[in-house]
């Protein structure tokens, strides 16, 4: 598992722990203070979840860019091979024409 994956797992674990704390808080305390703390905890959880979503989007974008780079590198390699092939053909034609001209 790479560092980015570990970071996401850590964030998800933090969210899970915070949710458990919130649920326990609801069970333990029905007071206004408990409700305010719960509201703040939920807001923090929403923020953490948003951060996880952003990181997932960034990872997906990074993966997409990597795939596109690989496709471009493969296409570039194919073009190099074709260029080499046609350069060889042109060189051969040139030699053939030079031989024909020299024979006359």
N, C-alpha and C. Protein backbone atom coordinates (compact mmCIF):
# COMPACT_ATOMS: atom_id res chain seq x y z
N UNK A 1 0.84 -1.17 0.00
CA UNK A 1 0.00 0.00 0.00
C UNK A 1 0.90 1.24 0.00
N UNK A 2 0.63 2.18 -0.92
CA UNK A 2 1.47 3.37 -0.98
C UNK A 2 1.01 4.41 0.05
N UNK A 3 1.78 5.48 0.16
CA UNK A 3 1.51 6.51 1.17
C UNK A 3 0.14 7.16 0.98
N UNK A 4 -0.24 7.38 -0.29
CA UNK A 4 -1.53 8.01 -0.55
C UNK A 4 -2.66 7.11 -0.09
N UNK A 5 -2.56 5.81 -0.37
CA UNK A 5 -3.58 4.87 0.08
C UNK A 5 -3.63 4.81 1.60
N UNK A 6 -2.46 4.82 2.24
CA UNK A 6 -2.42 4.78 3.70
C UNK A 6 -3.06 6.04 4.28
N UNK A 7 -2.84 7.17 3.62
CA UNK A 7 -3.46 8.42 4.07
C UNK A 7 -4.97 8.35 4.00
N UNK A 8 -5.48 7.79 2.90
CA UNK A 8 -6.93 7.65 2.76
C UNK A 8 -7.49 6.70 3.81
N UNK A 9 -6.80 5.58 4.03
CA UNK A 9 -7.25 4.63 5.04
C UNK A 9 -7.26 5.30 6.41
N UNK A 10 -6.22 6.09 6.70
CA UNK A 10 -6.17 6.80 7.98
C UNK A 10 -7.33 7.77 8.15
N UNK A 11 -7.65 8.50 7.08
CA UNK A 11 -8.78 9.43 7.14
C UNK A 11 -10.09 8.69 7.37
N UNK A 12 -10.27 7.59 6.66
CA UNK A 12 -11.49 6.80 6.82
C UNK A 12 -11.57 6.26 8.25
N UNK A 13 -10.45 5.80 8.78
CA UNK A 13 -10.43 5.32 10.17
C UNK A 13 -10.81 6.45 11.14
N UNK A 14 -10.28 7.66 10.89
CA UNK A 14 -10.62 8.80 11.73
C UNK A 14 -12.11 9.10 11.67
N UNK A 15 -12.67 9.02 10.48
CA UNK A 15 -14.10 9.27 10.32
C UNK A 15 -14.91 8.22 11.07
N UNK A 16 -14.50 6.97 10.94
CA UNK A 16 -15.20 5.89 11.63
C UNK A 16 -15.14 6.09 13.15
N UNK A 17 -13.98 6.44 13.66
CA UNK A 17 -13.82 6.67 15.10
C UNK A 17 -14.70 7.83 15.56
N UNK A 18 -14.71 8.90 14.77
CA UNK A 18 -15.52 10.07 15.12
C UNK A 18 -17.01 9.72 15.10
N UNK A 19 -17.43 8.91 14.14
CA UNK A 19 -18.83 8.49 14.09
C UNK A 19 -19.21 7.69 15.33
N UNK A 20 -18.33 6.78 15.72
CA UNK A 20 -18.59 5.99 16.93
C UNK A 20 -18.70 6.90 18.14
N UNK A 21 -17.82 7.90 18.21
CA UNK A 21 -17.86 8.85 19.32
C UNK A 21 -19.17 9.63 19.32
N UNK A 22 -19.60 10.04 18.13
CA UNK A 22 -20.86 10.79 18.01
C UNK A 22 -22.03 9.94 18.48
N UNK A 23 -22.06 8.71 18.03
CA UNK A 23 -23.16 7.82 18.41
C UNK A 23 -23.16 7.60 19.92
N UNK A 24 -21.99 7.38 20.48
CA UNK A 24 -21.90 7.19 21.93
C UNK A 24 -22.33 8.45 22.66
N UNK A 25 -21.99 9.61 22.10
CA UNK A 25 -22.38 10.88 22.70
C UNK A 25 -23.89 11.02 22.71
N UNK A 26 -24.54 10.60 21.64
CA UNK A 26 -26.00 10.65 21.57
C UNK A 26 -26.59 9.75 22.65
N UNK A 27 -26.03 8.57 22.78
CA UNK A 27 -26.54 7.62 23.76
C UNK A 27 -26.31 8.10 25.19
N UNK A 28 -25.18 8.76 25.43
CA UNK A 28 -24.80 9.16 26.79
C UNK A 28 -25.42 10.49 27.22
N UNK A 29 -25.66 11.39 26.27
CA UNK A 29 -25.98 12.76 26.67
C UNK A 29 -27.03 13.35 25.73
N UNK A 30 -28.18 13.66 26.29
CA UNK A 30 -29.22 14.31 25.49
C UNK A 30 -29.28 15.81 25.78
N UNK A 31 -28.28 16.34 26.47
CA UNK A 31 -28.29 17.76 26.83
C UNK A 31 -27.96 18.63 25.61
N UNK A 32 -28.18 19.92 25.75
CA UNK A 32 -27.89 20.87 24.69
C UNK A 32 -26.41 20.88 24.35
N UNK A 33 -25.55 20.83 25.37
CA UNK A 33 -24.11 20.81 25.13
C UNK A 33 -23.73 19.59 24.30
N UNK A 34 -24.31 18.46 24.64
CA UNK A 34 -24.03 17.24 23.89
C UNK A 34 -24.47 17.38 22.44
N UNK A 35 -25.62 18.01 22.25
CA UNK A 35 -26.12 18.20 20.88
C UNK A 35 -25.21 19.15 20.10
N UNK A 36 -24.72 20.20 20.77
CA UNK A 36 -23.80 21.14 20.10
C UNK A 36 -22.49 20.45 19.73
N UNK A 37 -21.98 19.66 20.66
CA UNK A 37 -20.76 18.90 20.37
C UNK A 37 -20.99 17.95 19.21
N UNK A 38 -22.14 17.32 19.22
CA UNK A 38 -22.49 16.40 18.15
C UNK A 38 -22.55 17.13 16.81
N UNK A 39 -23.16 18.30 16.80
CA UNK A 39 -23.24 19.09 15.58
C UNK A 39 -21.85 19.45 15.07
N UNK A 40 -20.97 19.87 15.97
CA UNK A 40 -19.59 20.20 15.58
C UNK A 40 -18.86 18.96 15.07
N UNK A 41 -19.09 17.84 15.72
CA UNK A 41 -18.45 16.59 15.27
C UNK A 41 -18.91 16.21 13.87
N UNK A 42 -20.20 16.37 13.64
CA UNK A 42 -20.74 16.05 12.31
C UNK A 42 -20.15 16.97 11.26
N UNK A 43 -20.00 18.26 11.60
CA UNK A 43 -19.40 19.20 10.65
C UNK A 43 -17.95 18.82 10.35
N UNK A 44 -17.21 18.41 11.38
CA UNK A 44 -15.82 17.98 11.16
C UNK A 44 -15.79 16.72 10.29
N UNK A 45 -16.72 15.82 10.54
CA UNK A 45 -16.79 14.59 9.74
C UNK A 45 -17.09 14.91 8.28
N UNK A 46 -18.01 15.83 8.06
CA UNK A 46 -18.33 16.22 6.68
C UNK A 46 -17.09 16.79 5.99
N UNK A 47 -16.34 17.59 6.74
CA UNK A 47 -15.11 18.17 6.18
C UNK A 47 -14.10 17.07 5.86
N UNK A 48 -13.91 16.12 6.78
CA UNK A 48 -12.97 15.03 6.54
C UNK A 48 -13.42 14.18 5.36
N UNK A 49 -14.70 13.91 5.26
CA UNK A 49 -15.22 13.13 4.14
C UNK A 49 -14.96 13.86 2.82
N UNK A 50 -15.17 15.17 2.84
CA UNK A 50 -14.89 15.96 1.64
C UNK A 50 -13.41 15.87 1.25
N UNK A 51 -12.53 15.90 2.26
CA UNK A 51 -11.10 15.78 1.99
C UNK A 51 -10.77 14.41 1.38
N UNK A 52 -11.40 13.36 1.89
CA UNK A 52 -11.19 12.02 1.34
C UNK A 52 -11.64 11.98 -0.12
N UNK A 53 -12.80 12.58 -0.39
CA UNK A 53 -13.31 12.60 -1.76
C UNK A 53 -12.35 13.36 -2.68
N UNK A 54 -11.82 14.48 -2.22
CA UNK A 54 -10.86 15.24 -3.02
C UNK A 54 -9.61 14.42 -3.30
N UNK A 55 -9.11 13.72 -2.27
CA UNK A 55 -7.92 12.90 -2.47
C UNK A 55 -8.20 11.77 -3.45
N UNK A 56 -9.37 11.17 -3.38
CA UNK A 56 -9.72 10.11 -4.32
C UNK A 56 -9.77 10.66 -5.74
N UNK A 57 -10.34 11.85 -5.90
CA UNK A 57 -10.39 12.47 -7.22
C UNK A 57 -8.99 12.75 -7.74
N UNK A 58 -8.12 13.24 -6.85
CA UNK A 58 -6.75 13.52 -7.26
C UNK A 58 -6.03 12.24 -7.68
N UNK A 59 -6.24 11.17 -6.92
CA UNK A 59 -5.62 9.89 -7.28
C UNK A 59 -6.13 9.39 -8.62
N UNK A 60 -7.43 9.53 -8.87
CA UNK A 60 -8.00 9.10 -10.14
C UNK A 60 -7.45 9.94 -11.28
N UNK A 61 -7.35 11.25 -11.05
CA UNK A 61 -6.79 12.14 -12.07
C UNK A 61 -5.34 11.78 -12.36
N UNK A 62 -4.58 11.50 -11.31
CA UNK A 62 -3.18 11.11 -11.48
C UNK A 62 -3.08 9.82 -12.29
N UNK A 63 -3.96 8.86 -11.98
CA UNK A 63 -3.95 7.59 -12.71
C UNK A 63 -4.32 7.81 -14.18
N UNK A 64 -5.32 8.65 -14.42
CA UNK A 64 -5.72 8.95 -15.80
C UNK A 64 -4.59 9.62 -16.58
N UNK A 65 -3.90 10.56 -15.94
CA UNK A 65 -2.78 11.24 -16.60
C UNK A 65 -1.67 10.26 -16.91
N UNK A 66 -1.38 9.37 -15.96
CA UNK A 66 -0.34 8.36 -16.17
C UNK A 66 -0.69 7.47 -17.36
N UNK A 67 -1.96 7.07 -17.46
CA UNK A 67 -2.39 6.23 -18.58
C UNK A 67 -2.25 6.99 -19.91
N UNK A 68 -2.61 8.26 -19.91
CA UNK A 68 -2.50 9.05 -21.14
C UNK A 68 -1.04 9.22 -21.55
N UNK A 69 -0.17 9.42 -20.58
CA UNK A 69 1.27 9.54 -20.88
C UNK A 69 1.78 8.25 -21.50
N UNK A 70 1.36 7.11 -20.95
CA UNK A 70 1.78 5.82 -21.50
C UNK A 70 1.29 5.66 -22.94
N UNK A 71 0.04 6.06 -23.19
CA UNK A 71 -0.49 5.97 -24.56
C UNK A 71 0.32 6.86 -25.51
N UNK A 72 0.65 8.06 -25.06
CA UNK A 72 1.43 8.97 -25.90
C UNK A 72 2.83 8.43 -26.16
N UNK A 73 3.44 7.83 -25.14
CA UNK A 73 4.77 7.25 -25.31
C UNK A 73 4.72 6.09 -26.31
N UNK A 74 3.67 5.26 -26.22
CA UNK A 74 3.53 4.15 -27.16
C UNK A 74 3.32 4.66 -28.58
N UNK A 75 2.49 5.68 -28.72
CA UNK A 75 2.24 6.26 -30.05
C UNK A 75 3.52 6.87 -30.61
N UNK A 76 4.28 7.54 -29.77
CA UNK A 76 5.54 8.14 -30.20
C UNK A 76 6.52 7.06 -30.66
N UNK A 77 6.56 5.96 -29.93
CA UNK A 77 7.45 4.85 -30.30
C UNK A 77 7.03 4.27 -31.66
N UNK A 78 5.72 4.10 -31.84
CA UNK A 78 5.23 3.58 -33.14
C UNK A 78 5.59 4.53 -34.28
N UNK A 79 5.48 5.83 -34.03
CA UNK A 79 5.83 6.81 -35.06
C UNK A 79 7.32 6.75 -35.38
N UNK A 80 8.14 6.56 -34.36
CA UNK A 80 9.58 6.44 -34.59
C UNK A 80 9.89 5.22 -35.46
N UNK A 81 9.22 4.10 -35.17
CA UNK A 81 9.43 2.89 -35.96
C UNK A 81 8.99 3.10 -37.41
N UNK A 82 7.85 3.74 -37.60
CA UNK A 82 7.38 4.02 -38.96
C UNK A 82 8.33 4.96 -39.69
N UNK A 83 8.79 5.98 -39.00
CA UNK A 83 9.73 6.92 -39.61
C UNK A 83 11.00 6.20 -40.04
N UNK A 84 11.50 5.32 -39.18
CA UNK A 84 12.70 4.55 -39.50
C UNK A 84 12.44 3.66 -40.72
N UNK A 85 11.27 3.02 -40.75
CA UNK A 85 10.91 2.13 -41.85
C UNK A 85 10.87 2.91 -43.17
N UNK A 86 10.17 4.05 -43.17
CA UNK A 86 10.04 4.80 -44.41
C UNK A 86 11.34 5.50 -44.81
N UNK A 87 12.14 5.88 -43.84
CA UNK A 87 13.45 6.46 -44.15
C UNK A 87 14.31 5.42 -44.87
N UNK A 88 14.26 4.19 -44.39
CA UNK A 88 15.01 3.11 -45.03
C UNK A 88 14.51 2.89 -46.45
N UNK A 89 13.19 2.91 -46.63
CA UNK A 89 12.63 2.72 -47.98
C UNK A 89 13.08 3.84 -48.92
N UNK A 90 13.02 5.07 -48.43
CA UNK A 90 13.43 6.21 -49.26
C UNK A 90 14.91 6.11 -49.61
N UNK A 91 15.73 5.73 -48.64
CA UNK A 91 17.16 5.55 -48.90
C UNK A 91 17.38 4.48 -49.96
N UNK A 92 16.64 3.38 -49.86
CA UNK A 92 16.77 2.31 -50.86
C UNK A 92 16.34 2.78 -52.24
N UNK A 93 15.24 3.52 -52.32
CA UNK A 93 14.79 4.04 -53.61
C UNK A 93 15.84 4.98 -54.20
N UNK A 94 16.40 5.83 -53.34
CA UNK A 94 17.41 6.77 -53.81
C UNK A 94 18.60 6.01 -54.39
N UNK A 95 19.06 4.98 -53.71
CA UNK A 95 20.19 4.19 -54.21
C UNK A 95 19.83 3.51 -55.53
N UNK A 96 18.60 3.00 -55.60
CA UNK A 96 18.17 2.35 -56.84
C UNK A 96 18.16 3.34 -58.00
N UNK A 97 17.64 4.52 -57.78
CA UNK A 97 17.61 5.53 -58.83
C UNK A 97 19.02 5.96 -59.22
N UNK A 98 19.89 6.09 -58.22
CA UNK A 98 21.28 6.47 -58.52
C UNK A 98 21.95 5.39 -59.36
N UNK A 99 21.69 4.13 -59.04
CA UNK A 99 22.25 3.04 -59.84
C UNK A 99 21.71 3.07 -61.26
N UNK A 100 20.42 3.31 -61.39
CA UNK A 100 19.81 3.39 -62.72
C UNK A 100 20.42 4.54 -63.53
N UNK A 101 20.58 5.67 -62.88
CA UNK A 101 21.14 6.83 -63.58
C UNK A 101 22.58 6.57 -63.97
N UNK A 102 23.34 5.96 -63.08
CA UNK A 102 24.75 5.67 -63.36
C UNK A 102 24.92 4.61 -64.44
N UNK A 103 23.94 3.74 -64.62
CA UNK A 103 24.03 2.71 -65.65
C UNK A 103 23.83 3.30 -67.04
N UNK A 104 23.13 4.38 -67.12
CA UNK A 104 22.85 4.96 -68.43
C UNK A 104 24.02 5.68 -68.92
